[in-house]
Amino acid sequence: MAIRVLIADDQEMVRRGLRRILESQPDIEVVCEAADGVTAVEMARRFQPDVALVDIRMPRMDGLEVTRLLAGPDVASPVKVVVVTTFDLDEYVYPALQYGASGFLLKRSGPALLIEAVRAAVAGDSLISPSVTVRLLKHVTGSGPRHAPLPEPLTEREIEIAGQVAEGKTNADIAAELFISPGTVKTHVASIQRKLGVRNRVGIAVRAWEMGYARAL
């Protein structure tokens, strides 16, 4: 079954380019497009895409609010949202992640990374390459809010895995490094998400950087 994608960007040329890249793949289908944030939310609720690629700056409603409405903590059936940014150090990235975005993608990242991001979002895995993840997360967590101590602390193994998630590693990468099964890693990741109160792997990565679990790269 094809991965169903919504593209939300106010520039028609950008939407056309993203559609061309995505639909070159046999397992990806663009089911709708939106030129502003209000339409993006309406289209997402109507067509129920698997992934929404959302520009951070759009008329009528920005990508931050779109992300909150589609993927926020109060959404019953959240959509996997990948926020698309133009600049490496966009001041909206941190709030977007706090509002439930599954990841973010630089517009200049290229076709391969775009396709990887869409497939990874559906799989619940890393959404962009480790180098970009680490560089951007270092920035956004550097000025982000601090959190109170956890009601239920992470175990030593969970701290180790949270740090590796923050470094952009997939479940398979972590399993190979720790000599455990991918299923065991998945179980640990689910426990980490619950204890940290986040919705996805990017949320784990943000908190791991804040709490000093990730190694400087």
N, C-alpha and C. Protein backbone atom coordinates (compact mmCIF):
# COMPACT_ATOMS: atom_id res chain seq x y z
N MET A 1 0.85 -1.20 0.00
CA MET A 1 0.00 0.00 0.00
C MET A 1 0.88 1.25 0.00
N ALA A 2 0.53 2.20 -0.84
CA ALA A 2 1.35 3.41 -1.00
C ALA A 2 1.26 4.31 0.23
N ILE A 3 2.35 4.99 0.52
CA ILE A 3 2.39 6.01 1.57
C ILE A 3 1.71 7.26 1.03
N ARG A 4 0.70 7.73 1.73
CA ARG A 4 -0.11 8.86 1.27
C ARG A 4 0.43 10.15 1.90
N VAL A 5 0.73 11.14 1.07
CA VAL A 5 1.42 12.34 1.52
C VAL A 5 0.63 13.60 1.18
N LEU A 6 0.61 14.53 2.11
CA LEU A 6 0.11 15.90 1.90
C LEU A 6 1.30 16.83 1.79
N ILE A 7 1.29 17.72 0.81
CA ILE A 7 2.33 18.74 0.67
C ILE A 7 1.71 20.10 0.94
N ALA A 8 2.24 20.83 1.91
CA ALA A 8 1.74 22.16 2.25
C ALA A 8 2.87 23.16 2.13
N ASP A 9 2.79 24.01 1.11
CA ASP A 9 3.80 25.04 0.87
C ASP A 9 3.15 26.14 0.04
N ASP A 10 3.46 27.40 0.35
CA ASP A 10 2.79 28.49 -0.37
C ASP A 10 3.37 28.74 -1.75
N GLN A 11 4.48 28.10 -2.10
CA GLN A 11 5.07 28.29 -3.42
C GLN A 11 4.71 27.10 -4.33
N GLU A 12 4.01 27.42 -5.41
CA GLU A 12 3.58 26.36 -6.32
C GLU A 12 4.77 25.61 -6.91
N MET A 13 5.85 26.32 -7.19
CA MET A 13 7.03 25.67 -7.77
C MET A 13 7.60 24.64 -6.80
N VAL A 14 7.63 24.97 -5.51
CA VAL A 14 8.13 24.05 -4.51
C VAL A 14 7.23 22.82 -4.42
N ARG A 15 5.92 23.04 -4.39
CA ARG A 15 4.99 21.92 -4.31
C ARG A 15 5.14 21.00 -5.52
N ARG A 16 5.29 21.61 -6.69
CA ARG A 16 5.43 20.81 -7.91
C ARG A 16 6.71 19.97 -7.86
N GLY A 17 7.80 20.58 -7.36
CA GLY A 17 9.06 19.86 -7.27
C GLY A 17 9.00 18.72 -6.28
N LEU A 18 8.38 18.96 -5.12
CA LEU A 18 8.25 17.91 -4.12
C LEU A 18 7.39 16.76 -4.63
N ARG A 19 6.30 17.11 -5.30
CA ARG A 19 5.43 16.08 -5.86
C ARG A 19 6.18 15.22 -6.88
N ARG A 20 6.94 15.86 -7.73
CA ARG A 20 7.67 15.13 -8.77
C ARG A 20 8.66 14.14 -8.14
N ILE A 21 9.34 14.58 -7.10
CA ILE A 21 10.31 13.71 -6.43
C ILE A 21 9.60 12.53 -5.76
N LEU A 22 8.56 12.83 -5.02
CA LEU A 22 7.88 11.78 -4.26
C LEU A 22 7.19 10.77 -5.17
N GLU A 23 6.55 11.25 -6.21
CA GLU A 23 5.80 10.34 -7.07
C GLU A 23 6.69 9.59 -8.06
N SER A 24 8.00 9.84 -7.99
CA SER A 24 8.93 9.02 -8.77
C SER A 24 9.14 7.66 -8.10
N GLN A 25 8.63 7.54 -6.85
CA GLN A 25 8.77 6.31 -6.08
C GLN A 25 7.48 5.50 -6.15
N PRO A 26 7.58 4.20 -6.36
CA PRO A 26 6.37 3.39 -6.51
C PRO A 26 5.54 3.25 -5.24
N ASP A 27 6.15 3.52 -4.08
CA ASP A 27 5.44 3.33 -2.82
C ASP A 27 4.96 4.63 -2.19
N ILE A 28 5.03 5.75 -2.92
CA ILE A 28 4.61 7.04 -2.37
C ILE A 28 3.60 7.70 -3.31
N GLU A 29 2.52 8.23 -2.73
CA GLU A 29 1.48 8.90 -3.50
C GLU A 29 1.14 10.23 -2.84
N VAL A 30 1.19 11.33 -3.60
CA VAL A 30 0.76 12.63 -3.08
C VAL A 30 -0.74 12.73 -3.27
N VAL A 31 -1.49 12.78 -2.18
CA VAL A 31 -2.95 12.75 -2.27
C VAL A 31 -3.57 14.14 -2.25
N CYS A 32 -2.83 15.15 -1.79
CA CYS A 32 -3.39 16.50 -1.78
C CYS A 32 -2.28 17.52 -1.56
N GLU A 33 -2.57 18.77 -1.93
CA GLU A 33 -1.66 19.89 -1.76
C GLU A 33 -2.40 21.04 -1.11
N ALA A 34 -1.65 21.93 -0.47
CA ALA A 34 -2.23 23.12 0.15
C ALA A 34 -1.25 24.27 0.02
N ALA A 35 -1.78 25.45 -0.25
CA ALA A 35 -0.94 26.63 -0.41
C ALA A 35 -0.93 27.52 0.83
N ASP A 36 -1.70 27.14 1.86
CA ASP A 36 -1.70 27.90 3.11
C ASP A 36 -2.03 26.96 4.25
N GLY A 37 -1.85 27.45 5.47
CA GLY A 37 -2.00 26.59 6.62
C GLY A 37 -3.42 26.13 6.90
N VAL A 38 -4.37 27.02 6.71
CA VAL A 38 -5.77 26.65 6.96
C VAL A 38 -6.19 25.52 6.02
N THR A 39 -5.86 25.67 4.75
CA THR A 39 -6.19 24.62 3.78
C THR A 39 -5.46 23.32 4.10
N ALA A 40 -4.23 23.42 4.59
CA ALA A 40 -3.46 22.22 4.94
C ALA A 40 -4.18 21.41 6.01
N VAL A 41 -4.69 22.09 7.04
CA VAL A 41 -5.41 21.39 8.11
C VAL A 41 -6.69 20.77 7.56
N GLU A 42 -7.42 21.52 6.75
CA GLU A 42 -8.65 21.00 6.16
C GLU A 42 -8.39 19.78 5.30
N MET A 43 -7.35 19.84 4.47
CA MET A 43 -7.01 18.73 3.58
C MET A 43 -6.57 17.51 4.38
N ALA A 44 -5.79 17.74 5.42
CA ALA A 44 -5.31 16.63 6.24
C ALA A 44 -6.47 15.90 6.91
N ARG A 45 -7.42 16.65 7.42
CA ARG A 45 -8.56 16.03 8.08
C ARG A 45 -9.48 15.34 7.08
N ARG A 46 -9.51 15.83 5.87
CA ARG A 46 -10.38 15.22 4.84
C ARG A 46 -9.76 13.97 4.25
N PHE A 47 -8.46 14.04 3.91
CA PHE A 47 -7.83 12.94 3.18
C PHE A 47 -7.05 11.97 4.08
N GLN A 48 -6.80 12.35 5.33
CA GLN A 48 -6.08 11.49 6.28
C GLN A 48 -4.77 10.92 5.71
N PRO A 49 -3.83 11.79 5.31
CA PRO A 49 -2.55 11.30 4.78
C PRO A 49 -1.73 10.62 5.87
N ASP A 50 -0.78 9.80 5.45
CA ASP A 50 0.13 9.17 6.40
C ASP A 50 1.18 10.17 6.89
N VAL A 51 1.60 11.06 5.98
CA VAL A 51 2.63 12.04 6.29
C VAL A 51 2.24 13.39 5.71
N ALA A 52 2.47 14.46 6.46
CA ALA A 52 2.27 15.82 5.96
C ALA A 52 3.60 16.55 5.94
N LEU A 53 4.02 17.01 4.77
CA LEU A 53 5.20 17.87 4.66
C LEU A 53 4.71 19.31 4.76
N VAL A 54 5.12 20.01 5.80
CA VAL A 54 4.54 21.32 6.12
C VAL A 54 5.61 22.40 6.13
N ASP A 55 5.45 23.40 5.28
CA ASP A 55 6.34 24.55 5.28
C ASP A 55 6.14 25.32 6.58
N ILE A 56 7.20 25.87 7.13
CA ILE A 56 7.08 26.56 8.41
C ILE A 56 6.46 27.93 8.25
N ARG A 57 6.60 28.54 7.09
CA ARG A 57 6.06 29.90 6.88
C ARG A 57 5.05 29.87 5.74
N MET A 58 3.78 30.03 6.10
CA MET A 58 2.70 30.02 5.12
C MET A 58 1.67 31.07 5.49
N PRO A 59 0.90 31.57 4.53
CA PRO A 59 -0.17 32.54 4.83
C PRO A 59 -1.33 31.89 5.57
N ARG A 60 -2.14 32.72 6.22
CA ARG A 60 -3.35 32.35 6.94
C ARG A 60 -3.07 31.57 8.24
N MET A 61 -2.14 30.64 8.20
CA MET A 61 -1.76 29.90 9.40
C MET A 61 -0.36 29.33 9.17
N ASP A 62 0.56 29.58 10.12
CA ASP A 62 1.93 29.11 9.89
C ASP A 62 2.07 27.62 10.21
N GLY A 63 3.22 27.08 9.83
CA GLY A 63 3.46 25.65 9.99
C GLY A 63 3.47 25.20 11.44
N LEU A 64 3.80 26.11 12.35
CA LEU A 64 3.80 25.77 13.77
C LEU A 64 2.39 25.44 14.25
N GLU A 65 1.44 26.28 13.90
CA GLU A 65 0.06 26.05 14.30
C GLU A 65 -0.53 24.84 13.59
N VAL A 66 -0.17 24.67 12.32
CA VAL A 66 -0.61 23.48 11.57
C VAL A 66 -0.11 22.21 12.28
N THR A 67 1.14 22.24 12.70
CA THR A 67 1.71 21.09 13.39
C THR A 67 0.95 20.80 14.68
N ARG A 68 0.64 21.83 15.44
CA ARG A 68 -0.09 21.63 16.70
C ARG A 68 -1.46 21.02 16.45
N LEU A 69 -2.13 21.48 15.40
CA LEU A 69 -3.48 20.99 15.12
C LEU A 69 -3.49 19.57 14.56
N LEU A 70 -2.41 19.19 13.87
CA LEU A 70 -2.37 17.87 13.25
C LEU A 70 -1.64 16.83 14.10
N ALA A 71 -0.67 17.27 14.91
CA ALA A 71 0.16 16.30 15.63
C ALA A 71 0.31 16.60 17.11
N GLY A 72 -0.40 17.59 17.61
CA GLY A 72 -0.24 18.01 18.99
C GLY A 72 -0.69 16.96 19.99
N PRO A 73 -0.37 17.16 21.26
CA PRO A 73 -0.67 16.17 22.30
C PRO A 73 -2.15 15.91 22.50
N ASP A 74 -3.01 16.84 22.08
CA ASP A 74 -4.45 16.67 22.28
C ASP A 74 -5.15 16.08 21.06
N VAL A 75 -4.40 15.78 20.02
CA VAL A 75 -4.99 15.26 18.78
C VAL A 75 -5.24 13.77 18.92
N ALA A 76 -6.48 13.35 18.69
CA ALA A 76 -6.84 11.95 18.87
C ALA A 76 -6.17 11.04 17.84
N SER A 77 -6.16 11.46 16.58
CA SER A 77 -5.54 10.67 15.51
C SER A 77 -4.49 11.53 14.82
N PRO A 78 -3.31 11.64 15.42
CA PRO A 78 -2.29 12.54 14.88
C PRO A 78 -1.74 12.09 13.54
N VAL A 79 -1.34 13.08 12.74
CA VAL A 79 -0.69 12.85 11.45
C VAL A 79 0.81 12.99 11.67
N LYS A 80 1.60 12.19 10.99
CA LYS A 80 3.05 12.35 11.04
C LYS A 80 3.41 13.63 10.27
N VAL A 81 3.92 14.63 10.98
CA VAL A 81 4.26 15.90 10.35
C VAL A 81 5.77 16.06 10.26
N VAL A 82 6.25 16.35 9.06
CA VAL A 82 7.65 16.71 8.86
C VAL A 82 7.67 18.18 8.48
N VAL A 83 8.22 19.02 9.35
CA VAL A 83 8.28 20.45 9.09
C VAL A 83 9.42 20.74 8.12
N VAL A 84 9.14 21.54 7.11
CA VAL A 84 10.14 21.88 6.09
C VAL A 84 10.62 23.30 6.34
N THR A 85 11.93 23.47 6.47
CA THR A 85 12.48 24.79 6.74
C THR A 85 13.47 25.20 5.65
N THR A 86 13.68 26.50 5.53
CA THR A 86 14.64 27.03 4.57
C THR A 86 16.01 27.19 5.20
N PHE A 87 16.05 27.59 6.47
CA PHE A 87 17.30 27.90 7.14
C PHE A 87 17.66 26.86 8.19
N ASP A 88 18.94 26.62 8.36
CA ASP A 88 19.42 25.65 9.34
C ASP A 88 18.95 25.99 10.75
N LEU A 89 19.00 27.27 11.10
CA LEU A 89 18.74 27.68 12.47
C LEU A 89 17.43 28.45 12.55
N ASP A 90 16.36 27.84 12.10
CA ASP A 90 15.05 28.48 12.11
C ASP A 90 14.52 28.54 13.54
N GLU A 91 14.11 29.74 13.97
CA GLU A 91 13.67 29.90 15.35
C GLU A 91 12.38 29.17 15.66
N TYR A 92 11.71 28.66 14.66
CA TYR A 92 10.47 27.94 14.89
C TYR A 92 10.66 26.43 15.07
N VAL A 93 11.85 25.93 14.87
CA VAL A 93 12.05 24.48 14.89
C VAL A 93 11.73 23.91 16.27
N TYR A 94 12.26 24.52 17.32
CA TYR A 94 12.04 23.96 18.66
C TYR A 94 10.55 23.91 19.02
N PRO A 95 9.78 25.02 18.85
CA PRO A 95 8.34 24.92 19.14
C PRO A 95 7.64 23.88 18.28
N ALA A 96 8.06 23.73 17.03
CA ALA A 96 7.43 22.73 16.16
C ALA A 96 7.61 21.33 16.74
N LEU A 97 8.81 21.04 17.24
CA LEU A 97 9.06 19.74 17.83
C LEU A 97 8.24 19.56 19.11
N GLN A 98 8.12 20.63 19.88
CA GLN A 98 7.32 20.56 21.10
C GLN A 98 5.85 20.31 20.78
N TYR A 99 5.41 20.78 19.62
CA TYR A 99 4.01 20.59 19.21
C TYR A 99 3.77 19.26 18.52
N GLY A 100 4.75 18.39 18.48
CA GLY A 100 4.52 17.05 17.99
C GLY A 100 5.07 16.71 16.63
N ALA A 101 5.83 17.61 16.01
CA ALA A 101 6.41 17.29 14.71
C ALA A 101 7.31 16.06 14.82
N SER A 102 7.23 15.19 13.85
CA SER A 102 8.06 13.99 13.85
C SER A 102 9.48 14.27 13.38
N GLY A 103 9.71 15.44 12.82
CA GLY A 103 11.04 15.78 12.36
C GLY A 103 11.01 17.03 11.52
N PHE A 104 12.14 17.35 10.95
CA PHE A 104 12.19 18.51 10.06
C PHE A 104 13.20 18.25 8.95
N LEU A 105 13.00 18.96 7.86
CA LEU A 105 13.78 18.73 6.65
C LEU A 105 14.15 20.07 6.05
N LEU A 106 15.41 20.23 5.68
CA LEU A 106 15.83 21.44 4.99
C LEU A 106 15.43 21.36 3.52
N LYS A 107 14.94 22.45 2.99
CA LYS A 107 14.45 22.44 1.61
C LYS A 107 15.56 22.09 0.61
N ARG A 108 16.78 22.38 0.97
CA ARG A 108 17.88 22.10 0.06
C ARG A 108 18.47 20.71 0.26
N SER A 109 17.81 19.89 1.05
CA SER A 109 18.38 18.58 1.41
C SER A 109 18.52 17.63 0.23
N GLY A 110 17.67 17.77 -0.79
CA GLY A 110 17.79 16.91 -1.96
C GLY A 110 16.77 15.79 -1.97
N PRO A 111 16.56 15.18 -3.13
CA PRO A 111 15.53 14.14 -3.31
C PRO A 111 15.70 12.93 -2.40
N ALA A 112 16.91 12.42 -2.27
CA ALA A 112 17.11 11.20 -1.50
C ALA A 112 16.68 11.37 -0.04
N LEU A 113 17.03 12.50 0.56
CA LEU A 113 16.69 12.73 1.96
C LEU A 113 15.19 12.96 2.13
N LEU A 114 14.58 13.62 1.15
CA LEU A 114 13.13 13.83 1.20
C LEU A 114 12.40 12.49 1.23
N ILE A 115 12.79 11.61 0.33
CA ILE A 115 12.16 10.29 0.26
C ILE A 115 12.43 9.51 1.54
N GLU A 116 13.66 9.60 2.04
CA GLU A 116 14.02 8.92 3.29
C GLU A 116 13.17 9.43 4.44
N ALA A 117 12.94 10.75 4.49
CA ALA A 117 12.18 11.35 5.58
C ALA A 117 10.74 10.85 5.58
N VAL A 118 10.14 10.75 4.42
CA VAL A 118 8.75 10.29 4.33
C VAL A 118 8.64 8.84 4.78
N ARG A 119 9.51 8.00 4.27
CA ARG A 119 9.46 6.58 4.64
C ARG A 119 9.78 6.38 6.12
N ALA A 120 10.74 7.13 6.64
CA ALA A 120 11.11 6.99 8.04
C ALA A 120 9.99 7.46 8.96
N ALA A 121 9.27 8.51 8.55
CA ALA A 121 8.15 9.01 9.36
C ALA A 121 7.11 7.92 9.56
N VAL A 122 6.79 7.22 8.48
CA VAL A 122 5.80 6.15 8.55
C VAL A 122 6.31 5.02 9.44
N ALA A 123 7.60 4.74 9.37
CA ALA A 123 8.19 3.66 10.16
C ALA A 123 8.40 4.05 11.61
N GLY A 124 8.23 5.33 11.93
CA GLY A 124 8.47 5.80 13.29
C GLY A 124 9.94 5.86 13.64
N ASP A 125 10.79 6.00 12.63
CA ASP A 125 12.23 5.99 12.84
C ASP A 125 12.79 7.38 12.62
N SER A 126 14.12 7.49 12.54
CA SER A 126 14.77 8.77 12.31
C SER A 126 14.28 9.37 11.00
N LEU A 127 14.13 10.68 10.99
CA LEU A 127 13.51 11.33 9.85
C LEU A 127 14.50 12.01 8.91
N ILE A 128 15.66 12.33 9.43
CA ILE A 128 16.67 12.95 8.58
C ILE A 128 18.03 12.38 8.95
N SER A 129 19.03 12.69 8.16
CA SER A 129 20.34 12.10 8.39
C SER A 129 20.90 12.53 9.75
N PRO A 130 21.68 11.68 10.39
CA PRO A 130 22.21 12.00 11.72
C PRO A 130 22.95 13.32 11.78
N SER A 131 23.73 13.67 10.76
CA SER A 131 24.51 14.90 10.82
C SER A 131 23.63 16.13 10.91
N VAL A 132 22.55 16.15 10.16
CA VAL A 132 21.63 17.29 10.21
C VAL A 132 20.85 17.27 11.51
N THR A 133 20.41 16.11 11.94
CA THR A 133 19.67 16.00 13.20
C THR A 133 20.48 16.55 14.35
N VAL A 134 21.71 16.09 14.46
CA VAL A 134 22.56 16.51 15.58
C VAL A 134 22.82 18.02 15.53
N ARG A 135 23.16 18.53 14.36
CA ARG A 135 23.49 19.95 14.25
C ARG A 135 22.31 20.83 14.64
N LEU A 136 21.13 20.51 14.15
CA LEU A 136 19.96 21.33 14.44
C LEU A 136 19.48 21.14 15.88
N LEU A 137 19.49 19.91 16.37
CA LEU A 137 19.04 19.68 17.73
C LEU A 137 19.95 20.37 18.74
N LYS A 138 21.24 20.44 18.45
CA LYS A 138 22.14 21.17 19.34
C LYS A 138 21.72 22.62 19.45
N HIS A 139 21.30 23.19 18.31
CA HIS A 139 20.89 24.59 18.33
C HIS A 139 19.59 24.78 19.09
N VAL A 140 18.56 24.01 18.72
CA VAL A 140 17.24 24.26 19.30
C VAL A 140 17.18 23.90 20.77
N THR A 141 17.95 22.90 21.21
CA THR A 141 17.92 22.56 22.62
C THR A 141 18.79 23.49 23.45
N GLY A 142 19.70 24.20 22.80
CA GLY A 142 20.56 25.10 23.54
C GLY A 142 19.80 26.25 24.17
N SER A 143 18.70 26.67 23.52
CA SER A 143 17.92 27.79 24.05
C SER A 143 16.54 27.36 24.51
N GLY A 144 16.28 26.06 24.53
CA GLY A 144 14.96 25.56 24.90
C GLY A 144 14.75 25.59 26.41
N PRO A 145 13.49 25.40 26.84
CA PRO A 145 13.19 25.41 28.26
C PRO A 145 13.75 24.19 28.96
N ARG A 146 14.06 24.33 30.23
CA ARG A 146 14.55 23.20 31.02
C ARG A 146 13.35 22.49 31.63
N HIS A 147 13.52 21.23 31.96
CA HIS A 147 12.42 20.44 32.48
C HIS A 147 12.70 20.00 33.92
N ALA A 148 11.60 19.79 34.65
CA ALA A 148 11.73 19.30 36.03
C ALA A 148 12.19 17.85 36.01
N PRO A 149 12.70 17.36 37.14
CA PRO A 149 13.11 15.95 37.21
C PRO A 149 11.96 15.02 36.82
N LEU A 150 12.31 13.90 36.24
CA LEU A 150 11.29 12.96 35.77
C LEU A 150 10.62 12.26 36.95
N PRO A 151 9.28 12.11 36.92
CA PRO A 151 8.60 11.35 37.97
C PRO A 151 9.10 9.91 38.05
N GLU A 152 9.39 9.34 36.87
CA GLU A 152 9.92 7.98 36.80
C GLU A 152 11.23 8.03 36.02
N PRO A 153 12.37 8.00 36.68
CA PRO A 153 13.66 8.16 36.00
C PRO A 153 13.92 7.05 34.98
N LEU A 154 14.73 7.38 33.99
CA LEU A 154 15.15 6.38 33.02
C LEU A 154 16.17 5.44 33.65
N THR A 155 16.17 4.20 33.21
CA THR A 155 17.20 3.26 33.64
C THR A 155 18.50 3.58 32.91
N GLU A 156 19.59 2.98 33.35
CA GLU A 156 20.87 3.21 32.69
C GLU A 156 20.81 2.80 31.21
N ARG A 157 20.16 1.68 30.91
CA ARG A 157 20.04 1.25 29.53
C ARG A 157 19.19 2.23 28.72
N GLU A 158 18.13 2.74 29.32
CA GLU A 158 17.27 3.70 28.62
C GLU A 158 18.00 5.01 28.35
N ILE A 159 18.82 5.44 29.30
CA ILE A 159 19.63 6.64 29.10
C ILE A 159 20.58 6.44 27.92
N GLU A 160 21.19 5.26 27.87
CA GLU A 160 22.11 4.93 26.78
C GLU A 160 21.39 4.96 25.43
N ILE A 161 20.22 4.36 25.38
CA ILE A 161 19.47 4.31 24.12
C ILE A 161 18.93 5.68 23.75
N ALA A 162 18.47 6.46 24.72
CA ALA A 162 17.99 7.82 24.44
C ALA A 162 19.10 8.66 23.83
N GLY A 163 20.32 8.52 24.35
CA GLY A 163 21.45 9.24 23.80
C GLY A 163 21.73 8.85 22.36
N GLN A 164 21.59 7.57 22.05
CA GLN A 164 21.85 7.12 20.69
C GLN A 164 20.75 7.56 19.73
N VAL A 165 19.51 7.61 20.21
CA VAL A 165 18.43 8.17 19.40
C VAL A 165 18.73 9.62 19.07
N ALA A 166 19.22 10.37 20.05
CA ALA A 166 19.57 11.77 19.84
C ALA A 166 20.68 11.96 18.83
N GLU A 167 21.50 10.93 18.68
CA GLU A 167 22.59 10.99 17.70
C GLU A 167 22.14 10.56 16.31
N GLY A 168 20.83 10.30 16.15
CA GLY A 168 20.28 9.98 14.85
C GLY A 168 20.32 8.53 14.46
N LYS A 169 20.58 7.64 15.42
CA LYS A 169 20.70 6.22 15.10
C LYS A 169 19.33 5.56 15.04
N THR A 170 19.19 4.61 14.13
CA THR A 170 17.95 3.85 14.01
C THR A 170 17.93 2.72 15.02
N ASN A 171 16.78 2.06 15.15
CA ASN A 171 16.69 0.90 16.04
C ASN A 171 17.70 -0.17 15.65
N ALA A 172 17.85 -0.40 14.34
CA ALA A 172 18.80 -1.41 13.87
C ALA A 172 20.23 -1.04 14.25
N ASP A 173 20.58 0.26 14.10
CA ASP A 173 21.92 0.72 14.48
C ASP A 173 22.18 0.47 15.96
N ILE A 174 21.19 0.83 16.79
CA ILE A 174 21.34 0.71 18.23
C ILE A 174 21.45 -0.76 18.63
N ALA A 175 20.60 -1.58 18.01
CA ALA A 175 20.62 -3.02 18.32
C ALA A 175 21.99 -3.63 18.03
N ALA A 176 22.55 -3.25 16.88
CA ALA A 176 23.86 -3.80 16.50
C ALA A 176 24.95 -3.36 17.46
N GLU A 177 24.89 -2.11 17.90
CA GLU A 177 25.94 -1.58 18.78
C GLU A 177 25.85 -2.16 20.18
N LEU A 178 24.61 -2.41 20.65
CA LEU A 178 24.43 -2.89 22.02
C LEU A 178 24.27 -4.41 22.10
N PHE A 179 24.30 -5.08 20.95
CA PHE A 179 24.17 -6.54 20.90
C PHE A 179 22.86 -7.02 21.50
N ILE A 180 21.77 -6.32 21.13
CA ILE A 180 20.43 -6.73 21.52
C ILE A 180 19.57 -6.74 20.27
N SER A 181 18.36 -7.24 20.37
CA SER A 181 17.50 -7.33 19.19
C SER A 181 16.81 -6.00 18.91
N PRO A 182 16.46 -5.72 17.64
CA PRO A 182 15.71 -4.51 17.31
C PRO A 182 14.39 -4.44 18.09
N GLY A 183 13.77 -5.61 18.35
CA GLY A 183 12.53 -5.62 19.12
C GLY A 183 12.74 -5.12 20.54
N THR A 184 13.86 -5.48 21.13
CA THR A 184 14.19 -5.01 22.48
C THR A 184 14.41 -3.50 22.48
N VAL A 185 15.09 -3.02 21.45
CA VAL A 185 15.29 -1.57 21.34
C VAL A 185 13.96 -0.86 21.23
N LYS A 186 13.07 -1.41 20.41
CA LYS A 186 11.75 -0.80 20.23
C LYS A 186 11.00 -0.73 21.55
N THR A 187 11.09 -1.77 22.36
CA THR A 187 10.44 -1.78 23.67
C THR A 187 11.02 -0.70 24.57
N HIS A 188 12.35 -0.56 24.57
CA HIS A 188 12.99 0.48 25.37
C HIS A 188 12.57 1.87 24.89
N VAL A 189 12.52 2.07 23.58
CA VAL A 189 12.14 3.37 23.03
C VAL A 189 10.72 3.75 23.46
N ALA A 190 9.81 2.78 23.45
CA ALA A 190 8.44 3.04 23.88
C ALA A 190 8.40 3.44 25.35
N SER A 191 9.21 2.77 26.18
CA SER A 191 9.28 3.11 27.60
C SER A 191 9.87 4.50 27.81
N ILE A 192 10.89 4.85 27.02
CA ILE A 192 11.52 6.17 27.11
C ILE A 192 10.51 7.26 26.75
N GLN A 193 9.76 7.03 25.67
CA GLN A 193 8.75 8.01 25.26
C GLN A 193 7.74 8.25 26.38
N ARG A 194 7.30 7.16 27.00
CA ARG A 194 6.31 7.29 28.07
C ARG A 194 6.88 8.08 29.26
N LYS A 195 8.10 7.75 29.67
CA LYS A 195 8.68 8.42 30.82
C LYS A 195 9.00 9.88 30.56
N LEU A 196 9.40 10.19 29.31
CA LEU A 196 9.74 11.59 28.98
C LEU A 196 8.51 12.40 28.61
N GLY A 197 7.40 11.71 28.35
CA GLY A 197 6.17 12.41 27.97
C GLY A 197 6.24 13.01 26.58
N VAL A 198 6.88 12.29 25.65
CA VAL A 198 6.99 12.78 24.27
C VAL A 198 6.29 11.80 23.33
N ARG A 199 6.03 12.25 22.09
CA ARG A 199 5.22 11.45 21.18
C ARG A 199 6.03 10.63 20.20
N ASN A 200 7.30 10.98 19.99
CA ASN A 200 8.05 10.32 18.94
C ASN A 200 9.55 10.39 19.22
N ARG A 201 10.33 9.85 18.28
CA ARG A 201 11.78 9.78 18.44
C ARG A 201 12.43 11.15 18.48
N VAL A 202 11.89 12.09 17.73
CA VAL A 202 12.48 13.43 17.74
C VAL A 202 12.27 14.07 19.12
N GLY A 203 11.12 13.81 19.73
CA GLY A 203 10.91 14.29 21.09
C GLY A 203 11.93 13.70 22.05
N ILE A 204 12.23 12.42 21.88
CA ILE A 204 13.28 11.78 22.70
C ILE A 204 14.61 12.49 22.47
N ALA A 205 14.92 12.76 21.21
CA ALA A 205 16.20 13.39 20.88
C ALA A 205 16.32 14.76 21.53
N VAL A 206 15.26 15.55 21.46
CA VAL A 206 15.29 16.89 22.06
C VAL A 206 15.56 16.80 23.56
N ARG A 207 14.79 15.94 24.24
CA ARG A 207 14.97 15.82 25.69
C ARG A 207 16.33 15.25 26.04
N ALA A 208 16.83 14.31 25.22
CA ALA A 208 18.14 13.72 25.50
C ALA A 208 19.24 14.76 25.41
N TRP A 209 19.15 15.65 24.42
CA TRP A 209 20.15 16.74 24.34
C TRP A 209 20.03 17.66 25.54
N GLU A 210 18.81 17.98 25.93
CA GLU A 210 18.61 18.86 27.09
C GLU A 210 19.18 18.26 28.37
N MET A 211 19.02 16.96 28.51
CA MET A 211 19.41 16.30 29.76
C MET A 211 20.84 15.77 29.75
N GLY A 212 21.54 16.02 28.65
CA GLY A 212 22.95 15.66 28.60
C GLY A 212 23.22 14.19 28.31
N TYR A 213 22.24 13.49 27.71
CA TYR A 213 22.44 12.08 27.43
C TYR A 213 23.18 11.82 26.11
N ALA A 214 23.18 12.82 25.22
CA ALA A 214 23.83 12.63 23.91
C ALA A 214 25.29 13.03 23.98
N ARG A 215 26.10 12.31 23.25
CA ARG A 215 27.52 12.62 23.20
C ARG A 215 27.77 13.75 22.22
N ALA A 216 28.70 14.65 22.52
CA ALA A 216 29.06 15.71 21.60
C ALA A 216 29.70 15.11 20.35
N LEU A 217 29.18 15.51 19.19
CA LEU A 217 29.70 14.98 17.94
C LEU A 217 30.30 16.09 17.09
